[in-house]
């Protein structure tokens, strides 16, 4: 059975902020965009479950941010793992209000040499993981009276990129899945939106010539800081976006406007 790790048995401070006392699960929350989302949500009063396979980094983040966070180990491709993660979130904090489906991977290869195994692995994490996450939280959100699901797609879910076929396929799928889920879950007061980041500053993009070329050609000629994506996710989890569902929110420095 999955267990949570946290710094105390219950939060003691009186929450304030835009998502005060909202229970939110963030997958891939240990680093990068996921960690930025966790920080933004906690800063505005949320109770955040950091769900990740990176135990050391997730535990360190929880230790830093304190009692309003908890770590749950989660492989997003496991339906049982998802069920355990939601149960752990409810036991620790209460019904889930928000889900940020952020966990994702990329594999670079031209189509002619891309193996079926590598293609399926990307689809399993990026697409099937989002499906399983949405499915897992519906009951909890209904019990809590509604919620907000934010699926992290990419500009690769709006345009094409060569050599990352599985990634592009998965991110276009996330875009469509988001719209279908929004239609089905709207009557339950559950909103579902997708976020489409462009190049985000990270160790991976710092050494990528392709990333450098992209940002040089776009209207805002720089990579995004992860906190800028975290701020957009915070808006979508909060009630400030209460009339937004089934929509794409793009943060790409204007790249897709070209």
C-alpha atoms as a PDB file:
ATOM      1  CA  UNK A   1       0.000   0.000   0.000  1.00  0.00           C
ATOM      2  CA  UNK A   2       1.351   3.430  -0.906  1.00  0.00           C
ATOM      3  CA  UNK A   3       2.141   5.634   2.055  1.00  0.00           C
ATOM      4  CA  UNK A   4       2.618   9.367   2.247  1.00  0.00           C
ATOM      5  CA  UNK A   5       5.647  11.068   3.722  1.00  0.00           C
ATOM      6  CA  UNK A   6       5.175  14.436   5.386  1.00  0.00           C
ATOM      7  CA  UNK A   7       6.566  16.620   8.104  1.00  0.00           C
ATOM      8  CA  UNK A   8       3.670  16.540  10.559  1.00  0.00           C
ATOM      9  CA  UNK A   9       0.336  14.813  11.028  1.00  0.00           C
ATOM     10  CA  UNK A  10      -1.814  17.759   9.953  1.00  0.00           C
ATOM     11  CA  UNK A  11      -1.478  21.353   8.804  1.00  0.00           C
ATOM     12  CA  UNK A  12      -1.601  23.822  11.684  1.00  0.00           C
ATOM     13  CA  UNK A  13      -1.456  27.231  10.012  1.00  0.00           C
ATOM     14  CA  UNK A  14      -4.569  29.116   8.962  1.00  0.00           C
ATOM     15  CA  UNK A  15      -4.528  29.153   5.161  1.00  0.00           C
ATOM     16  CA  UNK A  16      -4.928  32.244   3.074  1.00  0.00           C
ATOM     17  CA  UNK A  17      -4.560  32.767  -0.635  1.00  0.00           C
ATOM     18  CA  UNK A  18      -6.120  32.028  -3.984  1.00  0.00           C
ATOM     19  CA  UNK A  19      -6.371  28.255  -3.446  1.00  0.00           C
ATOM     20  CA  UNK A  20      -6.651  28.167   0.338  1.00  0.00           C
ATOM     21  CA  UNK A  21      -7.109  24.606   1.627  1.00  0.00           C
ATOM     22  CA  UNK A  22      -7.599  23.161  -1.854  1.00  0.00           C
ATOM     23  CA  UNK A  23      -6.130  19.654  -2.088  1.00  0.00           C
ATOM     24  CA  UNK A  24      -4.056  19.303  -5.263  1.00  0.00           C
ATOM     25  CA  UNK A  25      -2.070  16.392  -6.705  1.00  0.00           C
ATOM     26  CA  UNK A  26       0.874  17.335  -8.931  1.00  0.00           C
ATOM     27  CA  UNK A  27       2.507  14.539 -10.915  1.00  0.00           C
ATOM     28  CA  UNK A  28       6.139  14.868 -11.831  1.00  0.00           C
ATOM     29  CA  UNK A  29       6.170  17.362  -8.989  1.00  0.00           C
ATOM     30  CA  UNK A  30       9.706  16.791  -7.782  1.00  0.00           C
ATOM     31  CA  UNK A  31      11.463  19.126 -10.211  1.00  0.00           C
ATOM     32  CA  UNK A  32      11.108  21.429 -13.206  1.00  0.00           C
ATOM     33  CA  UNK A  33       7.635  22.637 -14.127  1.00  0.00           C
ATOM     34  CA  UNK A  34       6.088  20.277 -11.586  1.00  0.00           C
ATOM     35  CA  UNK A  35       8.074  21.682  -8.680  1.00  0.00           C
ATOM     36  CA  UNK A  36       7.260  25.221  -9.843  1.00  0.00           C
ATOM     37  CA  UNK A  37       3.557  24.315  -9.780  1.00  0.00           C
ATOM     38  CA  UNK A  38       3.916  22.891  -6.275  1.00  0.00           C
ATOM     39  CA  UNK A  39       5.605  26.067  -5.051  1.00  0.00           C
ATOM     40  CA  UNK A  40       3.003  28.356  -6.624  1.00  0.00           C
ATOM     41  CA  UNK A  41       0.106  26.363  -5.175  1.00  0.00           C
ATOM     42  CA  UNK A  42       1.564  26.095  -1.679  1.00  0.00           C
ATOM     43  CA  UNK A  43       2.348  29.827  -1.638  1.00  0.00           C
ATOM     44  CA  UNK A  44      -1.352  30.494  -2.200  1.00  0.00           C
ATOM     45  CA  UNK A  45      -2.606  28.146   0.529  1.00  0.00           C
ATOM     46  CA  UNK A  46      -3.075  24.782  -1.208  1.00  0.00           C
ATOM     47  CA  UNK A  47      -2.446  21.376   0.329  1.00  0.00           C
ATOM     48  CA  UNK A  48      -0.262  19.678  -2.254  1.00  0.00           C
ATOM     49  CA  UNK A  49       0.593  16.044  -2.856  1.00  0.00           C
ATOM     50  CA  UNK A  50       3.871  15.698  -4.746  1.00  0.00           C
ATOM     51  CA  UNK A  51       3.472  12.525  -6.817  1.00  0.00           C
ATOM     52  CA  UNK A  52       6.640  11.308  -8.510  1.00  0.00           C
ATOM     53  CA  UNK A  53       9.015   8.387  -9.001  1.00  0.00           C
ATOM     54  CA  UNK A  54      11.936  10.592  -7.912  1.00  0.00           C
ATOM     55  CA  UNK A  55      11.791   9.887  -4.197  1.00  0.00           C
ATOM     56  CA  UNK A  56      14.880  11.801  -3.064  1.00  0.00           C
ATOM     57  CA  UNK A  57      14.035  15.007  -4.911  1.00  0.00           C
ATOM     58  CA  UNK A  58      10.352  14.873  -3.943  1.00  0.00           C
ATOM     59  CA  UNK A  59      11.168  14.240  -0.298  1.00  0.00           C
ATOM     60  CA  UNK A  60      13.591  17.161  -0.285  1.00  0.00           C
ATOM     61  CA  UNK A  61      10.945  19.459  -1.764  1.00  0.00           C
ATOM     62  CA  UNK A  62       8.399  18.393   0.849  1.00  0.00           C
ATOM     63  CA  UNK A  63      10.931  18.921   3.623  1.00  0.00           C
ATOM     64  CA  UNK A  64      11.583  22.430   2.306  1.00  0.00           C
ATOM     65  CA  UNK A  65       7.922  23.444   1.888  1.00  0.00           C
ATOM     66  CA  UNK A  66       6.615  21.861   5.069  1.00  0.00           C
ATOM     67  CA  UNK A  67       3.358  20.615   6.486  1.00  0.00           C
ATOM     68  CA  UNK A  68       1.112  21.668   3.642  1.00  0.00           C
ATOM     69  CA  UNK A  69       2.800  19.160   1.347  1.00  0.00           C
ATOM     70  CA  UNK A  70       3.145  15.383   1.239  1.00  0.00           C
ATOM     71  CA  UNK A  71       5.024  12.973  -0.992  1.00  0.00           C
ATOM     72  CA  UNK A  72       3.398   9.962  -2.612  1.00  0.00           C
ATOM     73  CA  UNK A  73       5.450   7.681  -4.876  1.00  0.00           C
ATOM     74  CA  UNK A  74       3.595   7.268  -8.167  1.00  0.00           C
ATOM     75  CA  UNK A  75       4.228   5.627 -11.512  1.00  0.00           C
ATOM     76  CA  UNK A  76       1.563   7.365 -13.591  1.00  0.00           C
ATOM     77  CA  UNK A  77       1.220   4.325 -15.884  1.00  0.00           C
ATOM     78  CA  UNK A  78      -0.160   2.224 -12.991  1.00  0.00           C
ATOM     79  CA  UNK A  79      -3.915   2.361 -12.398  1.00  0.00           C
ATOM     80  CA  UNK A  80      -3.452   0.761  -8.965  1.00  0.00           C
ATOM     81  CA  UNK A  81      -0.790   3.335  -8.157  1.00  0.00           C
ATOM     82  CA  UNK A  82      -3.203   6.119  -9.049  1.00  0.00           C
ATOM     83  CA  UNK A  83      -5.919   4.671  -6.830  1.00  0.00           C
ATOM     84  CA  UNK A  84      -3.479   4.484  -3.942  1.00  0.00           C
ATOM     85  CA  UNK A  85      -2.242   8.020  -4.524  1.00  0.00           C
ATOM     86  CA  UNK A  86      -5.759   9.482  -4.455  1.00  0.00           C
ATOM     87  CA  UNK A  87      -6.613   7.469  -1.338  1.00  0.00           C
ATOM     88  CA  UNK A  88      -3.442   8.726   0.339  1.00  0.00           C
ATOM     89  CA  UNK A  89      -4.261  12.336  -0.583  1.00  0.00           C
ATOM     90  CA  UNK A  90      -7.766  11.993   0.856  1.00  0.00           C
ATOM     91  CA  UNK A  91      -6.468  10.377   4.039  1.00  0.00           C
ATOM     92  CA  UNK A  92      -3.855  13.069   4.561  1.00  0.00           C
ATOM     93  CA  UNK A  93      -5.750  16.194   3.477  1.00  0.00           C
ATOM     94  CA  UNK A  94      -9.315  15.439   2.303  1.00  0.00           C
ATOM     95  CA  UNK A  95     -11.127  15.271  -1.059  1.00  0.00           C
ATOM     96  CA  UNK A  96      -9.024  16.187  -4.065  1.00  0.00           C
ATOM     97  CA  UNK A  97      -9.873  19.516  -5.701  1.00  0.00           C
ATOM     98  CA  UNK A  98      -7.057  19.881  -8.208  1.00  0.00           C
ATOM     99  CA  UNK A  99      -5.004  17.580 -10.402  1.00  0.00           C
ATOM    100  CA  UNK A 100      -1.996  18.751 -12.400  1.00  0.00           C
ATOM    101  CA  UNK A 101      -1.051  16.024 -14.884  1.00  0.00           C
ATOM    102  CA  UNK A 102       2.517  17.154 -15.450  1.00  0.00           C
ATOM    103  CA  UNK A 103       4.604  13.958 -15.568  1.00  0.00           C
ATOM    104  CA  UNK A 104       6.064  13.399 -19.006  1.00  0.00           C
ATOM    105  CA  UNK A 105       9.013  12.058 -20.978  1.00  0.00           C
ATOM    106  CA  UNK A 106      10.468  12.540 -24.460  1.00  0.00           C
ATOM    107  CA  UNK A 107      12.434  10.204 -26.711  1.00  0.00           C
ATOM    108  CA  UNK A 108      14.374  11.580 -29.678  1.00  0.00           C
ATOM    109  CA  UNK A 109      14.678   9.432 -32.810  1.00  0.00           C
ATOM    110  CA  UNK A 110      13.654   9.690 -36.450  1.00  0.00           C
ATOM    111  CA  UNK A 111      10.629   7.571 -37.357  1.00  0.00           C
ATOM    112  CA  UNK A 112      12.631   4.995 -39.306  1.00  0.00           C
ATOM    113  CA  UNK A 113      14.760   4.080 -36.277  1.00  0.00           C
ATOM    114  CA  UNK A 114      12.207   4.702 -33.506  1.00  0.00           C
ATOM    115  CA  UNK A 115      11.474   1.403 -31.786  1.00  0.00           C
ATOM    116  CA  UNK A 116       7.977   0.310 -30.917  1.00  0.00           C
ATOM    117  CA  UNK A 117       9.036  -0.060 -27.278  1.00  0.00           C
ATOM    118  CA  UNK A 118      10.309   3.526 -27.079  1.00  0.00           C
ATOM    119  CA  UNK A 119       7.223   4.877 -28.821  1.00  0.00           C
ATOM    120  CA  UNK A 120       4.878   2.976 -26.494  1.00  0.00           C
ATOM    121  CA  UNK A 121       6.796   4.099 -23.411  1.00  0.00           C
ATOM    122  CA  UNK A 122       6.266   7.765 -24.301  1.00  0.00           C
ATOM    123  CA  UNK A 123       2.566   7.149 -25.007  1.00  0.00           C
ATOM    124  CA  UNK A 124       2.154   5.226 -21.749  1.00  0.00           C
ATOM    125  CA  UNK A 125       3.595   8.010 -19.596  1.00  0.00           C
ATOM    126  CA  UNK A 126       2.379  11.104 -21.435  1.00  0.00           C
ATOM    127  CA  UNK A 127      -1.035   9.959 -22.658  1.00  0.00           C
ATOM    128  CA  UNK A 128      -2.178   6.900 -20.712  1.00  0.00           C
ATOM    129  CA  UNK A 129      -0.898   8.482 -17.495  1.00  0.00           C
ATOM    130  CA  UNK A 130      -3.133  11.505 -18.070  1.00  0.00           C
ATOM    131  CA  UNK A 131      -6.128   9.260 -18.758  1.00  0.00           C
ATOM    132  CA  UNK A 132      -5.544   7.238 -15.591  1.00  0.00           C
ATOM    133  CA  UNK A 133      -5.086  10.394 -13.525  1.00  0.00           C
ATOM    134  CA  UNK A 134      -8.317  11.986 -14.695  1.00  0.00           C
ATOM    135  CA  UNK A 135     -10.190   8.741 -14.146  1.00  0.00           C
ATOM    136  CA  UNK A 136      -8.761   8.296 -10.643  1.00  0.00           C
ATOM    137  CA  UNK A 137      -9.740  11.712  -9.262  1.00  0.00           C
ATOM    138  CA  UNK A 138     -13.336  11.936 -10.512  1.00  0.00           C
ATOM    139  CA  UNK A 139     -14.905  10.240  -7.494  1.00  0.00           C
ATOM    140  CA  UNK A 140     -12.940  12.336  -5.015  1.00  0.00           C
ATOM    141  CA  UNK A 141     -13.749  15.566  -6.837  1.00  0.00           C
ATOM    142  CA  UNK A 142     -17.434  14.697  -6.949  1.00  0.00           C
ATOM    143  CA  UNK A 143     -17.400  14.042  -3.206  1.00  0.00           C
ATOM    144  CA  UNK A 144     -15.754  17.430  -2.687  1.00  0.00           C
ATOM    145  CA  UNK A 145     -18.220  19.285  -4.883  1.00  0.00           C
ATOM    146  CA  UNK A 146     -16.094  19.912  -7.959  1.00  0.00           C
ATOM    147  CA  UNK A 147     -12.556  20.561  -9.033  1.00  0.00           C
ATOM    148  CA  UNK A 148     -10.051  21.557 -11.672  1.00  0.00           C
ATOM    149  CA  UNK A 149      -7.864  19.278 -13.786  1.00  0.00           C
ATOM    150  CA  UNK A 150      -4.901  20.813 -15.594  1.00  0.00           C
ATOM    151  CA  UNK A 151      -3.220  18.645 -18.216  1.00  0.00           C
ATOM    152  CA  UNK A 152       0.252  19.771 -19.231  1.00  0.00           C
ATOM    153  CA  UNK A 153       0.554  19.384 -22.980  1.00  0.00           C
ATOM    154  CA  UNK A 154       3.087  21.345 -25.057  1.00  0.00           C
ATOM    155  CA  UNK A 155       3.450  23.448 -28.148  1.00  0.00           C
ATOM    156  CA  UNK A 156       4.067  19.947 -29.506  1.00  0.00           C
ATOM    157  CA  UNK A 157       0.323  19.478 -29.009  1.00  0.00           C
ATOM    158  CA  UNK A 158      -0.365  22.408 -31.345  1.00  0.00           C
ATOM    159  CA  UNK A 159       2.309  22.106 -34.035  1.00  0.00           C
ATOM    160  CA  UNK A 160       4.660  19.398 -35.279  1.00  0.00           C
ATOM    161  CA  UNK A 161       8.297  18.747 -34.399  1.00  0.00           C
ATOM    162  CA  UNK A 162      10.525  16.254 -36.151  1.00  0.00           C
ATOM    163  CA  UNK A 163      12.347  13.381 -34.401  1.00  0.00           C
ATOM    164  CA  UNK A 164       9.942  13.236 -31.438  1.00  0.00           C
ATOM    165  CA  UNK A 165       6.966  11.460 -32.983  1.00  0.00           C
ATOM    166  CA  UNK A 166       5.800   9.768 -29.774  1.00  0.00           C
ATOM    167  CA  UNK A 167       5.975  13.018 -27.813  1.00  0.00           C
ATOM    168  CA  UNK A 168       4.019  14.970 -30.428  1.00  0.00           C
ATOM    169  CA  UNK A 169       1.434  12.180 -30.729  1.00  0.00           C
ATOM    170  CA  UNK A 170       0.956  12.078 -26.968  1.00  0.00           C
ATOM    171  CA  UNK A 171       0.672  15.846 -26.562  1.00  0.00           C
ATOM    172  CA  UNK A 172      -1.896  16.185 -29.361  1.00  0.00           C
ATOM    173  CA  UNK A 173      -3.805  13.356 -27.662  1.00  0.00           C
ATOM    174  CA  UNK A 174      -3.733  15.181 -24.323  1.00  0.00           C
ATOM    175  CA  UNK A 175      -5.259  18.217 -26.022  1.00  0.00           C
ATOM    176  CA  UNK A 176      -8.166  16.164 -27.383  1.00  0.00           C
ATOM    177  CA  UNK A 177      -8.621  14.157 -24.190  1.00  0.00           C
ATOM    178  CA  UNK A 178      -8.880  17.424 -22.272  1.00  0.00           C
ATOM    179  CA  UNK A 179     -11.783  18.595 -24.410  1.00  0.00           C
ATOM    180  CA  UNK A 180     -13.670  15.304 -24.107  1.00  0.00           C
ATOM    181  CA  UNK A 181     -13.166  15.215 -20.335  1.00  0.00           C
ATOM    182  CA  UNK A 182     -14.373  18.824 -20.068  1.00  0.00           C
ATOM    183  CA  UNK A 183     -17.606  17.878 -21.832  1.00  0.00           C
ATOM    184  CA  UNK A 184     -18.199  14.830 -19.659  1.00  0.00           C
ATOM    185  CA  UNK A 185     -17.243  16.342 -16.288  1.00  0.00           C
ATOM    186  CA  UNK A 186     -18.669  19.862 -16.601  1.00  0.00           C
ATOM    187  CA  UNK A 187     -22.030  18.857 -15.076  1.00  0.00           C
ATOM    188  CA  UNK A 188     -20.125  17.724 -11.964  1.00  0.00           C
ATOM    189  CA  UNK A 189     -18.476  21.122 -11.570  1.00  0.00           C
ATOM    190  CA  UNK A 190     -15.128  19.703 -12.711  1.00  0.00           C
ATOM    191  CA  UNK A 191     -13.206  21.873 -15.159  1.00  0.00           C
ATOM    192  CA  UNK A 192     -10.504  20.447 -17.448  1.00  0.00           C
ATOM    193  CA  UNK A 193      -7.978  22.563 -19.356  1.00  0.00           C
ATOM    194  CA  UNK A 194      -4.650  22.021 -21.073  1.00  0.00           C
ATOM    195  CA  UNK A 195      -1.467  24.075 -20.790  1.00  0.00           C
ATOM    196  CA  UNK A 196       0.932  24.294 -23.734  1.00  0.00           C
ATOM    197  CA  UNK A 197       4.378  25.518 -22.708  1.00  0.00           C
ATOM    198  CA  UNK A 198       7.054  26.384 -25.208  1.00  0.00           C
ATOM    199  CA  UNK A 199      10.734  26.108 -24.322  1.00  0.00           C
ATOM    200  CA  UNK A 200      11.192  26.173 -20.551  1.00  0.00           C
ATOM    201  CA  UNK A 201      14.598  26.788 -18.969  1.00  0.00           C
ATOM    202  CA  UNK A 202      16.005  23.534 -17.634  1.00  0.00           C
ATOM    203  CA  UNK A 203      19.160  21.456 -17.649  1.00  0.00           C
ATOM    204  CA  UNK A 204      17.860  19.614 -20.709  1.00  0.00           C
ATOM    205  CA  UNK A 205      17.074  22.711 -22.786  1.00  0.00           C
ATOM    206  CA  UNK A 206      20.245  24.533 -21.731  1.00  0.00           C
ATOM    207  CA  UNK A 207      22.321  22.162 -23.870  1.00  0.00           C
ATOM    208  CA  UNK A 208      19.834  21.845 -26.746  1.00  0.00           C
ATOM    209  CA  UNK A 209      20.778  23.706 -29.938  1.00  0.00           C
ATOM    210  CA  UNK A 210      17.234  23.159 -31.198  1.00  0.00           C
ATOM    211  CA  UNK A 211      15.796  24.949 -28.165  1.00  0.00           C
ATOM    212  CA  UNK A 212      18.198  27.871 -28.581  1.00  0.00           C
ATOM    213  CA  UNK A 213      17.217  28.229 -32.243  1.00  0.00           C
ATOM    214  CA  UNK A 214      13.504  28.218 -31.393  1.00  0.00           C
ATOM    215  CA  UNK A 215      13.680  30.941 -28.760  1.00  0.00           C
ATOM    216  CA  UNK A 216      15.815  33.161 -31.016  1.00  0.00           C
ATOM    217  CA  UNK A 217      13.026  33.233 -33.614  1.00  0.00           C
ATOM    218  CA  UNK A 218      10.036  33.900 -31.367  1.00  0.00           C
ATOM    219  CA  UNK A 219       8.625  37.316 -30.291  1.00  0.00           C
ATOM    220  CA  UNK A 220       9.800  36.874 -26.681  1.00  0.00           C
ATOM    221  CA  UNK A 221      13.302  35.677 -27.434  1.00  0.00           C
ATOM    222  CA  UNK A 222      13.977  33.716 -24.268  1.00  0.00           C
ATOM    223  CA  UNK A 223      13.019  30.490 -22.561  1.00  0.00           C
ATOM    224  CA  UNK A 224      10.290  30.563 -19.924  1.00  0.00           C
ATOM    225  CA  UNK A 225      11.187  30.278 -16.287  1.00  0.00           C
ATOM    226  CA  UNK A 226       9.346  27.287 -14.724  1.00  0.00           C
ATOM    227  CA  UNK A 227       7.663  29.704 -12.310  1.00  0.00           C
ATOM    228  CA  UNK A 228       5.886  31.359 -15.248  1.00  0.00           C
ATOM    229  CA  UNK A 229       4.207  28.056 -16.092  1.00  0.00           C
ATOM    230  CA  UNK A 230       3.479  27.497 -12.402  1.00  0.00           C
ATOM    231  CA  UNK A 231       1.667  30.834 -12.275  1.00  0.00           C
ATOM    232  CA  UNK A 232      -0.552  29.847 -15.204  1.00  0.00           C
ATOM    233  CA  UNK A 233      -1.355  26.500 -13.587  1.00  0.00           C
ATOM    234  CA  UNK A 234      -2.215  28.282 -10.330  1.00  0.00           C
ATOM    235  CA  UNK A 235      -4.714  30.452 -12.207  1.00  0.00           C
ATOM    236  CA  UNK A 236      -6.362  27.374 -13.728  1.00  0.00           C
ATOM    237  CA  UNK A 237      -6.589  25.508 -10.425  1.00  0.00           C
ATOM    238  CA  UNK A 238      -8.056  28.564  -8.727  1.00  0.00           C
ATOM    239  CA  UNK A 239     -11.619  29.872  -9.057  1.00  0.00           C
ATOM    240  CA  UNK A 240     -10.258  32.824 -11.023  1.00  0.00           C
ATOM    241  CA  UNK A 241     -10.650  30.614 -14.096  1.00  0.00           C
ATOM    242  CA  UNK A 242     -14.136  29.431 -13.094  1.00  0.00           C
ATOM    243  CA  UNK A 243     -15.629  29.894 -16.589  1.00  0.00           C
ATOM    244  CA  UNK A 244     -12.767  28.221 -18.438  1.00  0.00           C
ATOM    245  CA  UNK A 245     -12.954  24.567 -19.426  1.00  0.00           C
ATOM    246  CA  UNK A 246     -11.975  22.497 -22.430  1.00  0.00           C
ATOM    247  CA  UNK A 247      -9.507  25.175 -23.504  1.00  0.00           C
ATOM    248  CA  UNK A 248      -5.843  25.464 -24.445  1.00  0.00           C
ATOM    249  CA  UNK A 249      -3.700  27.929 -22.514  1.00  0.00           C
ATOM    250  CA  UNK A 250      -0.490  28.673 -24.387  1.00  0.00           C
ATOM    251  CA  UNK A 251       2.695  30.018 -22.775  1.00  0.00           C
ATOM    252  CA  UNK A 252       5.294  29.899 -25.532  1.00  0.00           C
ATOM    253  CA  UNK A 253       6.762  33.373 -25.926  1.00  0.00           C
ATOM    254  CA  UNK A 254       4.701  33.798 -29.063  1.00  0.00           C
ATOM    255  CA  UNK A 255       6.291  30.865 -30.928  1.00  0.00           C
ATOM    256  CA  UNK A 256       3.003  29.505 -32.308  1.00  0.00           C
ATOM    257  CA  UNK A 257       1.955  32.985 -33.449  1.00  0.00           C
ATOM    258  CA  UNK A 258       4.579  32.933 -36.184  1.00  0.00           C
END
